[in-house]
Amino acid sequence: MKTVLALFIINHLCFYIFTEYFNGTMSKISGNTYLSVMGLGYSFIGFPLQLLIELLLIIGFSYQIFNVGKYQASMPLWLAFFASIALVIS
């Protein structure tokens, strides 16, 4: 469970970092083709890959909860997990 939660947190933080980076750079784009190509590359390659990783982590999380029955992880890890979910949702 600790590994699944840590991977969730890393995936959520990567998503948040990419989102903030592209929001900041796309607002200043004014004809810069490199940034637009980079944004298109992320939207066609990076985001689907990140979504696939998220779905695999959800399957692993469900397996840990329902089949293995292990909820054991430290409190800071659970708090960081829920904080990263709130960060992505907001």
C-alpha atoms as a PDB file:
ATOM      1  CA  MET A   1       0.000   0.000   0.000  1.00  0.00           C
ATOM      2  CA  LYS A   2       2.872   2.362   0.768  1.00  0.00           C
ATOM      3  CA  THR A   3       4.258   1.970  -2.748  1.00  0.00           C
ATOM      4  CA  VAL A   4       0.879   2.522  -4.400  1.00  0.00           C
ATOM      5  CA  LEU A   5       0.246   5.666  -2.349  1.00  0.00           C
ATOM      6  CA  ALA A   6       3.711   7.030  -3.079  1.00  0.00           C
ATOM      7  CA  LEU A   7       3.263   6.417  -6.820  1.00  0.00           C
ATOM      8  CA  PHE A   8      -0.149   8.113  -6.696  1.00  0.00           C
ATOM      9  CA  ILE A   9       1.407  11.161  -5.044  1.00  0.00           C
ATOM     10  CA  ILE A  10       4.221  11.321  -7.609  1.00  0.00           C
ATOM     11  CA  ASN A  11       1.764  10.968 -10.499  1.00  0.00           C
ATOM     12  CA  HIS A  12      -0.532  13.662  -9.118  1.00  0.00           C
ATOM     13  CA  LEU A  13       2.375  16.041  -8.537  1.00  0.00           C
ATOM     14  CA  CYS A  14       3.676  15.461 -12.083  1.00  0.00           C
ATOM     15  CA  PHE A  15       0.218  16.204 -13.453  1.00  0.00           C
ATOM     16  CA  TYR A  16      -0.017  19.375 -11.371  1.00  0.00           C
ATOM     17  CA  ILE A  17       3.461  20.548 -12.375  1.00  0.00           C
ATOM     18  CA  PHE A  18       2.774  19.994 -16.086  1.00  0.00           C
ATOM     19  CA  THR A  19      -0.579  21.731 -15.810  1.00  0.00           C
ATOM     20  CA  GLU A  20       0.862  24.785 -14.084  1.00  0.00           C
ATOM     21  CA  TYR A  21       3.825  24.910 -16.457  1.00  0.00           C
ATOM     22  CA  PHE A  22       1.648  24.812 -19.557  1.00  0.00           C
ATOM     23  CA  ASN A  23      -0.862  27.282 -18.161  1.00  0.00           C
ATOM     24  CA  GLY A  24       1.972  29.701 -17.471  1.00  0.00           C
ATOM     25  CA  THR A  25       3.756  29.244 -20.778  1.00  0.00           C
ATOM     26  CA  MET A  26       0.669  29.145 -22.978  1.00  0.00           C
ATOM     27  CA  SER A  27      -0.452  32.493 -21.634  1.00  0.00           C
ATOM     28  CA  LYS A  28       2.867  33.976 -22.872  1.00  0.00           C
ATOM     29  CA  ILE A  29       3.015  32.072 -26.152  1.00  0.00           C
ATOM     30  CA  SER A  30       2.597  34.926 -28.694  1.00  0.00           C
ATOM     31  CA  GLY A  31       3.818  32.973 -31.698  1.00  0.00           C
ATOM     32  CA  ASN A  32       6.405  30.730 -30.047  1.00  0.00           C
ATOM     33  CA  THR A  33       6.059  27.490 -32.000  1.00  0.00           C
ATOM     34  CA  TYR A  34       8.338  25.465 -29.705  1.00  0.00           C
ATOM     35  CA  LEU A  35       5.960  25.876 -26.771  1.00  0.00           C
ATOM     36  CA  SER A  36       2.925  25.025 -28.867  1.00  0.00           C
ATOM     37  CA  VAL A  37       4.633  21.866 -30.185  1.00  0.00           C
ATOM     38  CA  MET A  38       5.610  20.958 -26.631  1.00  0.00           C
ATOM     39  CA  GLY A  39       2.011  21.436 -25.496  1.00  0.00           C
ATOM     40  CA  LEU A  40       0.717  19.286 -28.349  1.00  0.00           C
ATOM     41  CA  GLY A  41       3.285  16.608 -27.542  1.00  0.00           C
ATOM     42  CA  TYR A  42       2.151  16.506 -23.950  1.00  0.00           C
ATOM     43  CA  SER A  43      -1.506  16.437 -24.906  1.00  0.00           C
ATOM     44  CA  PHE A  44      -1.061  13.547 -27.349  1.00  0.00           C
ATOM     45  CA  ILE A  45       1.656  11.533 -25.588  1.00  0.00           C
ATOM     46  CA  GLY A  46       2.170  12.680 -22.010  1.00  0.00           C
ATOM     47  CA  PHE A  47      -1.389  13.036 -20.809  1.00  0.00           C
ATOM     48  CA  PRO A  48      -2.672   9.676 -22.152  1.00  0.00           C
ATOM     49  CA  LEU A  49       0.377   7.977 -20.643  1.00  0.00           C
ATOM     50  CA  GLN A  50      -0.249   9.683 -17.329  1.00  0.00           C
ATOM     51  CA  LEU A  51      -3.922   8.702 -17.484  1.00  0.00           C
ATOM     52  CA  LEU A  52      -2.951   5.078 -18.134  1.00  0.00           C
ATOM     53  CA  ILE A  53      -0.611   5.139 -15.137  1.00  0.00           C
ATOM     54  CA  GLU A  54      -3.423   6.624 -13.019  1.00  0.00           C
ATOM     55  CA  LEU A  55      -5.825   3.859 -14.073  1.00  0.00           C
ATOM     56  CA  LEU A  56      -3.239   1.186 -13.287  1.00  0.00           C
ATOM     57  CA  LEU A  57      -2.673   2.741  -9.878  1.00  0.00           C
ATOM     58  CA  ILE A  58      -6.427   2.764  -9.223  1.00  0.00           C
ATOM     59  CA  ILE A  59      -6.525  -0.949 -10.061  1.00  0.00           C
ATOM     60  CA  GLY A  60      -3.563  -1.576  -7.741  1.00  0.00           C
ATOM     61  CA  PHE A  61      -5.178   0.504  -5.002  1.00  0.00           C
ATOM     62  CA  SER A  62      -8.454  -1.420  -5.340  1.00  0.00           C
ATOM     63  CA  TYR A  63      -6.573  -4.719  -5.267  1.00  0.00           C
ATOM     64  CA  GLN A  64      -4.777  -3.691  -2.092  1.00  0.00           C
ATOM     65  CA  ILE A  65      -7.990  -2.648  -0.389  1.00  0.00           C
ATOM     66  CA  PHE A  66     -10.414  -5.372  -1.475  1.00  0.00           C
ATOM     67  CA  ASN A  67      -8.259  -8.469  -2.033  1.00  0.00           C
ATOM     68  CA  VAL A  68      -5.243  -8.039   0.208  1.00  0.00           C
ATOM     69  CA  GLY A  69      -7.001  -5.999   2.871  1.00  0.00           C
ATOM     70  CA  LYS A  70      -3.942  -3.932   3.753  1.00  0.00           C
ATOM     71  CA  TYR A  71      -4.574  -0.359   4.736  1.00  0.00           C
ATOM     72  CA  GLN A  72      -1.269   0.018   6.553  1.00  0.00           C
ATOM     73  CA  ALA A  73       0.583   3.166   5.645  1.00  0.00           C
ATOM     74  CA  SER A  74       1.874   6.019   7.721  1.00  0.00           C
ATOM     75  CA  MET A  75      -0.379   8.968   8.476  1.00  0.00           C
ATOM     76  CA  PRO A  76       1.796  11.512   6.593  1.00  0.00           C
ATOM     77  CA  LEU A  77       1.588   9.303   3.500  1.00  0.00           C
ATOM     78  CA  TRP A  78      -2.207   9.162   3.671  1.00  0.00           C
ATOM     79  CA  LEU A  79      -2.390  12.918   4.256  1.00  0.00           C
ATOM     80  CA  ALA A  80      -0.098  13.604   1.308  1.00  0.00           C
ATOM     81  CA  PHE A  81      -2.217  11.260  -0.824  1.00  0.00           C
ATOM     82  CA  PHE A  82      -5.450  13.080  -0.003  1.00  0.00           C
ATOM     83  CA  ALA A  83      -3.732  16.458  -0.398  1.00  0.00           C
ATOM     84  CA  SER A  84      -2.494  15.479  -3.857  1.00  0.00           C
ATOM     85  CA  ILE A  85      -6.025  14.441  -4.840  1.00  0.00           C
ATOM     86  CA  ALA A  86      -7.342  17.798  -3.627  1.00  0.00           C
ATOM     87  CA  LEU A  87      -4.558  19.558  -5.547  1.00  0.00           C
ATOM     88  CA  VAL A  88      -5.467  17.809  -8.798  1.00  0.00           C
ATOM     89  CA  ILE A  89      -9.205  18.382  -8.355  1.00  0.00           C
ATOM     90  CA  SER A  90      -8.844  22.112  -7.605  1.00  0.00           C
END
